[in-house]
Amino acid sequence: MISIKRYTASDKTAWDNLIGQSKNGTFLFFRNYMDYHADRFTDHSCLIYRKEKLVAVFPANMQDAVVYSHQGLTYGGLIYTHKLSATDILVIFEHLLQHYRDNKINKIIYKTVPYIYHDYPAQEDVYALFRNGARLTGCNLSATIPMKNKLKFTESRKSGLRKAQNLQLNCSHSIDFDAFWEILASNLGAKYEVRPVHSVEEIKYLHRLFPENIQLYTVGKGPDILAGVVLYICKKIVHVQYISAGYEGKELGALDMLFDYLINTLYTDFDYFDFGQSTEQMGHVLNENLLFQKEGFGGRGIVYPVYEINMD
């Protein structure tokens, strides 16, 4: 017996407990993370029960009769426990789709959790998408390093590293998000005429909530920050959320030094180092320069697919 319940604030503890016990959930699905921008989205997340026991959740928001596998998250989809079988997921999909039909939803845009973030294989939802006529409408490309079988840096990355080492630049953990955000916002504004997805106040707030998961590392020359990265630590996976270097940092190979430190010294016992997406417009536009940099450190392709289910 499957039942579906729309999420309310009173379900927060049960929701978070399920995320902690799931085989494909990360800290991004805890409600404290999801709800930091609750004012921007109309939440229509669901809790899924089997025989009155919570076995899965679906983080989602709604806009104009379309449900999105939450637009405020990089990835998403059905998050569920180890005990559910493929047949269980097919049944859950039937009930979930009917729940949204009953709520006059015309379409679902569904993002999956890339397999590298799974604690245990969890692509039953991809099969259920196929069985329900879902269409692949987006395919974003990330560059990822399997840390137990790394490729060597390319010569261009090694050259930058040598330059930074000769200048005795220093890598360090930091909490100076304000200084890094000045570099980040300036670069994004000048190059793409956009702002960071998070404001500096938002990232500092999230860091206070998740101090072990959200980390800032910088490269300095004396007291000056030349470059930095914000990392999202998801169990045994390092995800690069933001990368940026000032003009001097680019000239001095600061990011080459920083990524050498992160990949070859600090996080060597992790499973994957995920640089994040290098695509725009649902994957139709590839930022080749950005991808070239990531591939120079040994990153290779992982996709973040997006599916569409019409409810007609």
C-alpha atoms as a PDB file:
ATOM      1  CA  MET A   1       0.000   0.000   0.000  1.00  0.00           C
ATOM      2  CA  ILE A   2       1.626   3.236  -1.227  1.00  0.00           C
ATOM      3  CA  SER A   3       0.479   6.666  -0.083  1.00  0.00           C
ATOM      4  CA  ILE A   4       1.732  10.120  -1.078  1.00  0.00           C
ATOM      5  CA  LYS A   5       1.796  13.192   1.162  1.00  0.00           C
ATOM      6  CA  ARG A   6       2.770  16.723   0.170  1.00  0.00           C
ATOM      7  CA  TYR A   7       5.572  18.065   2.341  1.00  0.00           C
ATOM      8  CA  THR A   8       4.842  20.556   5.122  1.00  0.00           C
ATOM      9  CA  ALA A   9       7.191  22.075   7.699  1.00  0.00           C
ATOM     10  CA  SER A  10       5.950  19.597  10.303  1.00  0.00           C
ATOM     11  CA  ASP A  11       7.544  16.793   8.234  1.00  0.00           C
ATOM     12  CA  LYS A  12      11.064  18.219   8.497  1.00  0.00           C
ATOM     13  CA  THR A  13      12.446  15.675  10.992  1.00  0.00           C
ATOM     14  CA  ALA A  14      10.985  12.686   9.158  1.00  0.00           C
ATOM     15  CA  TRP A  15      12.246  14.051   5.836  1.00  0.00           C
ATOM     16  CA  ASP A  16      15.787  14.622   7.116  1.00  0.00           C
ATOM     17  CA  ASN A  17      15.888  11.180   8.740  1.00  0.00           C
ATOM     18  CA  LEU A  18      14.989   9.606   5.402  1.00  0.00           C
ATOM     19  CA  ILE A  19      17.720  11.557   3.617  1.00  0.00           C
ATOM     20  CA  GLY A  20      20.260  10.344   6.177  1.00  0.00           C
ATOM     21  CA  GLN A  21      19.202   6.724   5.638  1.00  0.00           C
ATOM     22  CA  SER A  22      18.860   6.865   1.855  1.00  0.00           C
ATOM     23  CA  LYS A  23      21.184   5.325  -0.700  1.00  0.00           C
ATOM     24  CA  ASN A  24      21.276   8.301  -3.061  1.00  0.00           C
ATOM     25  CA  GLY A  25      20.787  11.388  -0.893  1.00  0.00           C
ATOM     26  CA  THR A  26      23.341  14.106  -0.087  1.00  0.00           C
ATOM     27  CA  PHE A  27      23.287  17.053   2.314  1.00  0.00           C
ATOM     28  CA  LEU A  28      21.697  19.228  -0.405  1.00  0.00           C
ATOM     29  CA  PHE A  29      18.404  17.440   0.291  1.00  0.00           C
ATOM     30  CA  PHE A  30      18.272  18.263   3.992  1.00  0.00           C
ATOM     31  CA  ARG A  31      15.519  20.801   4.536  1.00  0.00           C
ATOM     32  CA  ASN A  32      17.871  23.387   6.065  1.00  0.00           C
ATOM     33  CA  TYR A  33      19.684  23.501   2.739  1.00  0.00           C
ATOM     34  CA  MET A  34      16.605  23.316   0.533  1.00  0.00           C
ATOM     35  CA  ASP A  35      14.708  25.945   2.474  1.00  0.00           C
ATOM     36  CA  TYR A  36      17.336  28.696   2.525  1.00  0.00           C
ATOM     37  CA  HIS A  37      15.719  30.020  -0.657  1.00  0.00           C
ATOM     38  CA  ALA A  38      12.168  28.867   0.073  1.00  0.00           C
ATOM     39  CA  ASP A  39      10.834  32.345  -0.735  1.00  0.00           C
ATOM     40  CA  ARG A  40      11.855  31.899  -4.396  1.00  0.00           C
ATOM     41  CA  PHE A  41       9.996  28.655  -5.013  1.00  0.00           C
ATOM     42  CA  THR A  42       6.574  27.149  -4.456  1.00  0.00           C
ATOM     43  CA  ASP A  43       7.483  23.866  -2.829  1.00  0.00           C
ATOM     44  CA  HIS A  44       5.612  20.754  -3.918  1.00  0.00           C
ATOM     45  CA  SER A  45       7.872  18.082  -2.500  1.00  0.00           C
ATOM     46  CA  CYS A  46       6.347  14.742  -1.589  1.00  0.00           C
ATOM     47  CA  LEU A  47       6.825  12.068   1.033  1.00  0.00           C
ATOM     48  CA  ILE A  48       6.131   8.476  -0.056  1.00  0.00           C
ATOM     49  CA  TYR A  49       4.935   5.889   2.440  1.00  0.00           C
ATOM     50  CA  ARG A  50       4.636   2.127   2.133  1.00  0.00           C
ATOM     51  CA  LYS A  51       2.417   0.524   4.747  1.00  0.00           C
ATOM     52  CA  GLU A  52       2.561   3.844   6.627  1.00  0.00           C
ATOM     53  CA  LYS A  53       6.378   3.804   6.764  1.00  0.00           C
ATOM     54  CA  LEU A  54       8.327   6.573   5.020  1.00  0.00           C
ATOM     55  CA  VAL A  55      10.466   4.982   2.287  1.00  0.00           C
ATOM     56  CA  ALA A  56      11.166   7.803  -0.205  1.00  0.00           C
ATOM     57  CA  VAL A  57      10.932  11.534  -0.763  1.00  0.00           C
ATOM     58  CA  PHE A  58      10.759  13.660  -3.895  1.00  0.00           C
ATOM     59  CA  PRO A  59      12.247  17.183  -3.607  1.00  0.00           C
ATOM     60  CA  ALA A  60      10.284  19.411  -5.984  1.00  0.00           C
ATOM     61  CA  ASN A  61       8.840  22.827  -6.668  1.00  0.00           C
ATOM     62  CA  MET A  62       5.901  23.896  -8.790  1.00  0.00           C
ATOM     63  CA  GLN A  63       5.478  26.705 -11.304  1.00  0.00           C
ATOM     64  CA  ASP A  64       2.668  27.252 -13.835  1.00  0.00           C
ATOM     65  CA  ALA A  65       1.290  23.698 -13.605  1.00  0.00           C
ATOM     66  CA  VAL A  66       4.785  22.220 -14.036  1.00  0.00           C
ATOM     67  CA  VAL A  67       6.574  20.328 -11.262  1.00  0.00           C
ATOM     68  CA  TYR A  68      10.348  20.566 -11.271  1.00  0.00           C
ATOM     69  CA  SER A  69      12.783  18.202  -9.640  1.00  0.00           C
ATOM     70  CA  HIS A  70      13.800  21.070  -7.491  1.00  0.00           C
ATOM     71  CA  GLN A  71      15.084  24.044  -9.498  1.00  0.00           C
ATOM     72  CA  GLY A  72      17.158  25.227  -6.559  1.00  0.00           C
ATOM     73  CA  LEU A  73      19.296  22.063  -6.621  1.00  0.00           C
ATOM     74  CA  THR A  74      21.912  20.853  -9.089  1.00  0.00           C
ATOM     75  CA  TYR A  75      20.503  17.334  -9.120  1.00  0.00           C
ATOM     76  CA  GLY A  76      17.505  15.621  -7.603  1.00  0.00           C
ATOM     77  CA  GLY A  77      14.829  13.055  -8.298  1.00  0.00           C
ATOM     78  CA  LEU A  78      13.412  10.357  -6.089  1.00  0.00           C
ATOM     79  CA  ILE A  79      15.498   9.775  -2.940  1.00  0.00           C
ATOM     80  CA  TYR A  80      14.913   6.368  -1.387  1.00  0.00           C
ATOM     81  CA  THR A  81      16.108   3.657   0.956  1.00  0.00           C
ATOM     82  CA  HIS A  82      18.140   0.534   0.245  1.00  0.00           C
ATOM     83  CA  LYS A  83      15.148  -1.720   0.875  1.00  0.00           C
ATOM     84  CA  LEU A  84      13.145  -0.649  -2.175  1.00  0.00           C
ATOM     85  CA  SER A  85      13.324  -2.894  -5.228  1.00  0.00           C
ATOM     86  CA  ALA A  86      12.962  -1.909  -8.882  1.00  0.00           C
ATOM     87  CA  THR A  87       9.362  -3.109  -8.783  1.00  0.00           C
ATOM     88  CA  ASP A  88       8.710  -0.925  -5.730  1.00  0.00           C
ATOM     89  CA  ILE A  89      10.044   2.120  -7.574  1.00  0.00           C
ATOM     90  CA  LEU A  90       7.784   1.411 -10.569  1.00  0.00           C
ATOM     91  CA  VAL A  91       4.775   1.298  -8.250  1.00  0.00           C
ATOM     92  CA  ILE A  92       5.891   4.463  -6.455  1.00  0.00           C
ATOM     93  CA  PHE A  93       6.203   6.265  -9.802  1.00  0.00           C
ATOM     94  CA  GLU A  94       2.627   5.297 -10.673  1.00  0.00           C
ATOM     95  CA  HIS A  95       1.357   6.807  -7.438  1.00  0.00           C
ATOM     96  CA  LEU A  96       3.585   9.874  -7.652  1.00  0.00           C
ATOM     97  CA  LEU A  97       2.439  10.688 -11.179  1.00  0.00           C
ATOM     98  CA  GLN A  98      -1.181  10.194 -10.192  1.00  0.00           C
ATOM     99  CA  HIS A  99      -0.692  12.506  -7.209  1.00  0.00           C
ATOM    100  CA  TYR A 100       0.498  15.260  -9.516  1.00  0.00           C
ATOM    101  CA  ARG A 101      -2.279  14.606 -12.042  1.00  0.00           C
ATOM    102  CA  ASP A 102      -4.787  14.981  -9.217  1.00  0.00           C
ATOM    103  CA  ASN A 103      -3.145  18.328  -8.460  1.00  0.00           C
ATOM    104  CA  LYS A 104      -3.598  19.513 -12.090  1.00  0.00           C
ATOM    105  CA  ILE A 105       0.090  19.223 -12.997  1.00  0.00           C
ATOM    106  CA  ASN A 106       0.732  19.006 -16.747  1.00  0.00           C
ATOM    107  CA  LYS A 107       4.405  18.121 -16.786  1.00  0.00           C
ATOM    108  CA  ILE A 108       7.294  16.975 -14.581  1.00  0.00           C
ATOM    109  CA  ILE A 109      10.892  18.036 -15.206  1.00  0.00           C
ATOM    110  CA  TYR A 110      13.043  15.404 -13.502  1.00  0.00           C
ATOM    111  CA  LYS A 111      16.767  15.627 -12.676  1.00  0.00           C
ATOM    112  CA  THR A 112      18.494  12.464 -11.482  1.00  0.00           C
ATOM    113  CA  VAL A 113      21.279  12.116  -8.919  1.00  0.00           C
ATOM    114  CA  PRO A 114      24.483  11.252 -10.848  1.00  0.00           C
ATOM    115  CA  TYR A 115      25.684   7.775  -9.973  1.00  0.00           C
ATOM    116  CA  ILE A 116      28.914   9.010  -8.389  1.00  0.00           C
ATOM    117  CA  TYR A 117      26.818  10.389  -5.493  1.00  0.00           C
ATOM    118  CA  HIS A 118      25.135   7.050  -4.784  1.00  0.00           C
ATOM    119  CA  ASP A 119      26.068   5.115  -1.668  1.00  0.00           C
ATOM    120  CA  TYR A 120      24.703   2.031  -3.425  1.00  0.00           C
ATOM    121  CA  PRO A 121      23.430   1.597  -7.008  1.00  0.00           C
ATOM    122  CA  ALA A 122      20.244   3.653  -7.333  1.00  0.00           C
ATOM    123  CA  GLN A 123      19.183   4.013 -10.954  1.00  0.00           C
ATOM    124  CA  GLU A 124      15.849   2.288 -10.607  1.00  0.00           C
ATOM    125  CA  ASP A 125      14.282   5.720 -11.090  1.00  0.00           C
ATOM    126  CA  VAL A 126      15.935   6.036 -14.524  1.00  0.00           C
ATOM    127  CA  TYR A 127      14.288   2.765 -15.537  1.00  0.00           C
ATOM    128  CA  ALA A 128      10.964   4.007 -14.167  1.00  0.00           C
ATOM    129  CA  LEU A 129      11.351   7.199 -16.210  1.00  0.00           C
ATOM    130  CA  PHE A 130      11.799   5.099 -19.352  1.00  0.00           C
ATOM    131  CA  ARG A 131       8.778   2.969 -18.501  1.00  0.00           C
ATOM    132  CA  ASN A 132       6.670   6.097 -18.088  1.00  0.00           C
ATOM    133  CA  GLY A 133       7.614   7.620 -21.413  1.00  0.00           C
ATOM    134  CA  ALA A 134      10.043  10.246 -20.134  1.00  0.00           C
ATOM    135  CA  ARG A 135      12.031  12.123 -22.753  1.00  0.00           C
ATOM    136  CA  LEU A 136      15.648  13.224 -22.318  1.00  0.00           C
ATOM    137  CA  THR A 137      15.554  17.021 -22.687  1.00  0.00           C
ATOM    138  CA  GLY A 138      18.841  18.037 -21.090  1.00  0.00           C
ATOM    139  CA  CYS A 139      22.294  16.533 -20.711  1.00  0.00           C
ATOM    140  CA  ASN A 140      24.756  18.625 -18.741  1.00  0.00           C
ATOM    141  CA  LEU A 141      28.391  17.550 -18.758  1.00  0.00           C
ATOM    142  CA  SER A 142      30.665  17.553 -15.732  1.00  0.00           C
ATOM    143  CA  ALA A 143      34.327  16.570 -15.453  1.00  0.00           C
ATOM    144  CA  THR A 144      35.144  14.103 -12.693  1.00  0.00           C
ATOM    145  CA  ILE A 145      38.257  12.394 -11.377  1.00  0.00           C
ATOM    146  CA  PRO A 146      38.072   8.838  -9.959  1.00  0.00           C
ATOM    147  CA  MET A 147      40.541   9.372  -7.141  1.00  0.00           C
ATOM    148  CA  LYS A 148      41.785   5.781  -7.023  1.00  0.00           C
ATOM    149  CA  ASN A 149      42.777   5.897 -10.708  1.00  0.00           C
ATOM    150  CA  LYS A 150      43.813   9.483 -11.458  1.00  0.00           C
ATOM    151  CA  LEU A 151      45.281  10.765 -14.682  1.00  0.00           C
ATOM    152  CA  LYS A 152      48.344  12.982 -14.559  1.00  0.00           C
ATOM    153  CA  PHE A 153      48.011  16.724 -15.042  1.00  0.00           C
ATOM    154  CA  THR A 154      48.616  18.007 -18.572  1.00  0.00           C
ATOM    155  CA  GLU A 155      51.766  19.998 -19.257  1.00  0.00           C
ATOM    156  CA  SER A 156      49.863  23.301 -19.283  1.00  0.00           C
ATOM    157  CA  ARG A 157      48.585  22.620 -15.755  1.00  0.00           C
ATOM    158  CA  LYS A 158      52.031  21.463 -14.606  1.00  0.00           C
ATOM    159  CA  SER A 159      53.550  24.648 -15.999  1.00  0.00           C
ATOM    160  CA  GLY A 160      51.166  26.796 -13.970  1.00  0.00           C
ATOM    161  CA  LEU A 161      51.876  24.699 -10.890  1.00  0.00           C
ATOM    162  CA  ARG A 162      55.626  25.174 -11.232  1.00  0.00           C
ATOM    163  CA  LYS A 163      55.192  28.930 -11.609  1.00  0.00           C
ATOM    164  CA  ALA A 164      53.082  29.114  -8.426  1.00  0.00           C
ATOM    165  CA  GLN A 165      55.525  26.926  -6.494  1.00  0.00           C
ATOM    166  CA  ASN A 166      58.499  29.047  -7.566  1.00  0.00           C
ATOM    167  CA  LEU A 167      56.694  32.136  -6.287  1.00  0.00           C
ATOM    168  CA  GLN A 168      55.960  30.310  -3.008  1.00  0.00           C
ATOM    169  CA  LEU A 169      52.237  30.951  -3.117  1.00  0.00           C
ATOM    170  CA  ASN A 170      50.373  29.321  -0.246  1.00  0.00           C
ATOM    171  CA  CYS A 171      47.205  27.231  -0.174  1.00  0.00           C
ATOM    172  CA  SER A 172      45.018  27.290   2.902  1.00  0.00           C
ATOM    173  CA  HIS A 173      41.599  26.627   4.305  1.00  0.00           C
ATOM    174  CA  SER A 174      39.671  29.876   4.724  1.00  0.00           C
ATOM    175  CA  ILE A 175      36.426  31.341   6.016  1.00  0.00           C
ATOM    176  CA  ASP A 176      36.930  34.664   4.250  1.00  0.00           C
ATOM    177  CA  PHE A 177      33.999  34.226   1.876  1.00  0.00           C
ATOM    178  CA  ASP A 178      33.691  38.001   1.462  1.00  0.00           C
ATOM    179  CA  ALA A 179      37.144  38.356  -0.094  1.00  0.00           C
ATOM    180  CA  PHE A 180      36.651  35.375  -2.383  1.00  0.00           C
ATOM    181  CA  TRP A 181      33.181  36.569  -3.433  1.00  0.00           C
ATOM    182  CA  GLU A 182      34.679  39.858  -4.607  1.00  0.00           C
ATOM    183  CA  ILE A 183      36.875  37.915  -7.043  1.00  0.00           C
ATOM    184  CA  LEU A 184      34.077  35.540  -8.028  1.00  0.00           C
ATOM    185  CA  ALA A 185      31.425  38.206  -8.601  1.00  0.00           C
ATOM    186  CA  SER A 186      33.836  40.413 -10.535  1.00  0.00           C
ATOM    187  CA  ASN A 187      34.810  37.560 -12.875  1.00  0.00           C
ATOM    188  CA  LEU A 188      31.264  36.343 -13.479  1.00  0.00           C
ATOM    189  CA  GLY A 189      30.023  39.871 -14.089  1.00  0.00           C
ATOM    190  CA  ALA A 190      32.818  40.774 -16.504  1.00  0.00           C
ATOM    191  CA  LYS A 191      32.785  37.512 -18.449  1.00  0.00           C
ATOM    192  CA  TYR A 192      29.160  36.383 -18.430  1.00  0.00           C
ATOM    193  CA  GLU A 193      27.197  39.354 -17.041  1.00  0.00           C
ATOM    194  CA  VAL A 194      25.777  37.134 -14.300  1.00  0.00           C
ATOM    195  CA  ARG A 195      26.087  36.918 -10.527  1.00  0.00           C
ATOM    196  CA  PRO A 196      26.928  33.860  -8.400  1.00  0.00           C
ATOM    197  CA  VAL A 197      23.901  31.653  -7.734  1.00  0.00           C
ATOM    198  CA  HIS A 198      24.393  32.302  -4.015  1.00  0.00           C
ATOM    199  CA  SER A 199      24.938  35.724  -2.536  1.00  0.00           C
ATOM    200  CA  VAL A 200      27.851  35.963  -0.121  1.00  0.00           C
ATOM    201  CA  GLU A 201      25.406  36.195   2.780  1.00  0.00           C
ATOM    202  CA  GLU A 202      23.650  33.037   1.613  1.00  0.00           C
ATOM    203  CA  ILE A 203      26.853  31.025   1.287  1.00  0.00           C
ATOM    204  CA  LYS A 204      28.005  32.177   4.723  1.00  0.00           C
ATOM    205  CA  TYR A 205      24.619  31.194   6.158  1.00  0.00           C
ATOM    206  CA  LEU A 206      24.808  27.751   4.528  1.00  0.00           C
ATOM    207  CA  HIS A 207      28.375  27.336   5.762  1.00  0.00           C
ATOM    208  CA  ARG A 208      27.202  27.975   9.313  1.00  0.00           C
ATOM    209  CA  LEU A 209      24.503  25.309   8.879  1.00  0.00           C
ATOM    210  CA  PHE A 210      26.822  22.795   7.174  1.00  0.00           C
ATOM    211  CA  PRO A 211      30.371  23.620   8.316  1.00  0.00           C
ATOM    212  CA  GLU A 212      31.719  20.158   7.493  1.00  0.00           C
ATOM    213  CA  ASN A 213      30.140  20.040   4.041  1.00  0.00           C
ATOM    214  CA  ILE A 214      30.847  23.517   2.670  1.00  0.00           C
ATOM    215  CA  GLN A 215      34.517  24.452   2.549  1.00  0.00           C
ATOM    216  CA  LEU A 216      36.500  27.361   1.114  1.00  0.00           C
ATOM    217  CA  TYR A 217      40.135  27.009   0.069  1.00  0.00           C
ATOM    218  CA  THR A 218      42.229  29.874  -1.222  1.00  0.00           C
ATOM    219  CA  VAL A 219      45.652  30.631  -2.661  1.00  0.00           C
ATOM    220  CA  GLY A 220      47.444  33.649  -1.302  1.00  0.00           C
ATOM    221  CA  LYS A 221      50.453  35.823  -1.931  1.00  0.00           C
ATOM    222  CA  GLY A 222      51.231  37.325   1.425  1.00  0.00           C
ATOM    223  CA  PRO A 223      47.924  38.600   2.845  1.00  0.00           C
ATOM    224  CA  ASP A 224      46.234  38.819  -0.573  1.00  0.00           C
ATOM    225  CA  ILE A 225      43.828  36.158  -1.877  1.00  0.00           C
ATOM    226  CA  LEU A 226      44.579  35.427  -5.526  1.00  0.00           C
ATOM    227  CA  ALA A 227      42.147  32.583  -6.174  1.00  0.00           C
ATOM    228  CA  GLY A 228      39.848  30.144  -4.438  1.00  0.00           C
ATOM    229  CA  VAL A 229      37.298  27.367  -4.679  1.00  0.00           C
ATOM    230  CA  VAL A 230      34.179  26.538  -2.705  1.00  0.00           C
ATOM    231  CA  LEU A 231      33.783  22.801  -2.211  1.00  0.00           C
ATOM    232  CA  TYR A 232      30.681  20.811  -1.341  1.00  0.00           C
ATOM    233  CA  ILE A 233      31.765  17.678   0.520  1.00  0.00           C
ATOM    234  CA  CYS A 234      29.218  14.892   0.055  1.00  0.00           C
ATOM    235  CA  LYS A 235      30.408  11.867   2.023  1.00  0.00           C
ATOM    236  CA  LYS A 236      33.299  10.534  -0.136  1.00  0.00           C
ATOM    237  CA  ILE A 237      32.793  12.935  -3.053  1.00  0.00           C
ATOM    238  CA  VAL A 238      34.273  16.402  -3.446  1.00  0.00           C
ATOM    239  CA  HIS A 239      32.155  18.684  -5.634  1.00  0.00           C
ATOM    240  CA  VAL A 240      33.531  22.018  -6.830  1.00  0.00           C
ATOM    241  CA  GLN A 241      30.726  24.560  -6.436  1.00  0.00           C
ATOM    242  CA  TYR A 242      32.664  27.716  -7.348  1.00  0.00           C
ATOM    243  CA  ILE A 243      36.076  28.360  -8.951  1.00  0.00           C
ATOM    244  CA  SER A 244      37.597  31.783  -9.486  1.00  0.00           C
ATOM    245  CA  ALA A 245      40.911  33.605  -9.743  1.00  0.00           C
ATOM    246  CA  GLY A 246      41.756  37.272 -10.058  1.00  0.00           C
ATOM    247  CA  TYR A 247      43.914  38.560 -12.911  1.00  0.00           C
ATOM    248  CA  GLU A 248      47.136  38.123 -10.958  1.00  0.00           C
ATOM    249  CA  GLY A 249      46.074  34.688  -9.771  1.00  0.00           C
ATOM    250  CA  LYS A 250      45.502  33.571 -13.359  1.00  0.00           C
ATOM    251  CA  GLU A 251      48.905  34.865 -14.407  1.00  0.00           C
ATOM    252  CA  LEU A 252      50.682  33.132 -11.509  1.00  0.00           C
ATOM    253  CA  GLY A 253      49.088  29.682 -11.807  1.00  0.00           C
ATOM    254  CA  ALA A 254      47.221  29.980  -8.506  1.00  0.00           C
ATOM    255  CA  LEU A 255      44.404  27.575  -9.402  1.00  0.00           C
ATOM    256  CA  ASP A 256      46.864  25.000 -10.738  1.00  0.00           C
ATOM    257  CA  MET A 257      48.574  25.026  -7.348  1.00  0.00           C
ATOM    258  CA  LEU A 258      45.288  24.902  -5.469  1.00  0.00           C
ATOM    259  CA  PHE A 259      43.882  21.957  -7.402  1.00  0.00           C
ATOM    260  CA  ASP A 260      47.165  20.082  -7.078  1.00  0.00           C
ATOM    261  CA  TYR A 261      46.901  20.529  -3.318  1.00  0.00           C
ATOM    262  CA  LEU A 262      43.258  19.447  -3.182  1.00  0.00           C
ATOM    263  CA  ILE A 263      43.527  16.503  -5.569  1.00  0.00           C
ATOM    264  CA  ASN A 264      46.990  15.152  -4.769  1.00  0.00           C
ATOM    265  CA  THR A 265      47.338  15.980  -1.068  1.00  0.00           C
ATOM    266  CA  LEU A 266      44.160  16.823   0.803  1.00  0.00           C
ATOM    267  CA  TYR A 267      41.428  14.572  -0.614  1.00  0.00           C
ATOM    268  CA  THR A 268      43.384  11.540  -1.800  1.00  0.00           C
ATOM    269  CA  ASP A 269      41.247   9.125   0.236  1.00  0.00           C
ATOM    270  CA  PHE A 270      37.990  10.253  -1.396  1.00  0.00           C
ATOM    271  CA  ASP A 271      36.266   8.364  -4.212  1.00  0.00           C
ATOM    272  CA  TYR A 272      35.569  11.167  -6.690  1.00  0.00           C
ATOM    273  CA  PHE A 273      36.559  14.772  -7.296  1.00  0.00           C
ATOM    274  CA  ASP A 274      33.748  16.336  -9.334  1.00  0.00           C
ATOM    275  CA  PHE A 275      34.512  19.687 -11.000  1.00  0.00           C
ATOM    276  CA  GLY A 276      30.857  20.345 -11.846  1.00  0.00           C
ATOM    277  CA  GLN A 277      29.104  21.224 -15.059  1.00  0.00           C
ATOM    278  CA  SER A 278      30.714  22.996 -18.009  1.00  0.00           C
ATOM    279  CA  THR A 279      27.501  23.363 -20.013  1.00  0.00           C
ATOM    280  CA  GLU A 280      24.680  25.865 -20.379  1.00  0.00           C
ATOM    281  CA  GLN A 281      21.163  25.837 -21.853  1.00  0.00           C
ATOM    282  CA  MET A 282      20.387  22.289 -20.726  1.00  0.00           C
ATOM    283  CA  GLY A 283      23.646  21.013 -22.194  1.00  0.00           C
ATOM    284  CA  HIS A 284      23.245  22.453 -25.695  1.00  0.00           C
ATOM    285  CA  VAL A 285      26.144  24.868 -25.149  1.00  0.00           C
ATOM    286  CA  LEU A 286      29.532  23.557 -24.041  1.00  0.00           C
ATOM    287  CA  ASN A 287      32.004  25.943 -22.403  1.00  0.00           C
ATOM    288  CA  GLU A 288      35.047  24.405 -24.043  1.00  0.00           C
ATOM    289  CA  ASN A 289      37.592  26.634 -22.321  1.00  0.00           C
ATOM    290  CA  LEU A 290      36.243  25.778 -18.887  1.00  0.00           C
ATOM    291  CA  LEU A 291      36.117  22.082 -19.706  1.00  0.00           C
ATOM    292  CA  PHE A 292      39.672  22.224 -21.101  1.00  0.00           C
ATOM    293  CA  GLN A 293      40.900  23.514 -17.735  1.00  0.00           C
ATOM    294  CA  LYS A 294      39.115  20.746 -15.814  1.00  0.00           C
ATOM    295  CA  GLU A 295      40.266  18.030 -18.195  1.00  0.00           C
ATOM    296  CA  GLY A 296      43.820  19.310 -17.727  1.00  0.00           C
ATOM    297  CA  PHE A 297      43.617  18.155 -14.091  1.00  0.00           C
ATOM    298  CA  GLY A 298      42.403  14.707 -15.165  1.00  0.00           C
ATOM    299  CA  GLY A 299      38.633  15.238 -15.150  1.00  0.00           C
ATOM    300  CA  ARG A 300      36.542  13.195 -17.574  1.00  0.00           C
ATOM    301  CA  GLY A 301      32.876  13.186 -18.484  1.00  0.00           C
ATOM    302  CA  ILE A 302      29.962  12.517 -16.145  1.00  0.00           C
ATOM    303  CA  VAL A 303      26.483  13.573 -17.256  1.00  0.00           C
ATOM    304  CA  TYR A 304      23.735  15.252 -15.257  1.00  0.00           C
ATOM    305  CA  PRO A 305      20.646  14.304 -17.297  1.00  0.00           C
ATOM    306  CA  VAL A 306      17.251  16.031 -17.268  1.00  0.00           C
ATOM    307  CA  TYR A 307      14.026  14.264 -18.261  1.00  0.00           C
ATOM    308  CA  GLU A 308      10.521  15.447 -19.067  1.00  0.00           C
ATOM    309  CA  ILE A 309       7.287  13.558 -18.395  1.00  0.00           C
ATOM    310  CA  ASN A 310       4.110  14.835 -20.005  1.00  0.00           C
ATOM    311  CA  MET A 311       1.099  14.022 -17.874  1.00  0.00           C
ATOM    312  CA  ASP A 312      -1.456  13.815 -20.717  1.00  0.00           C
END
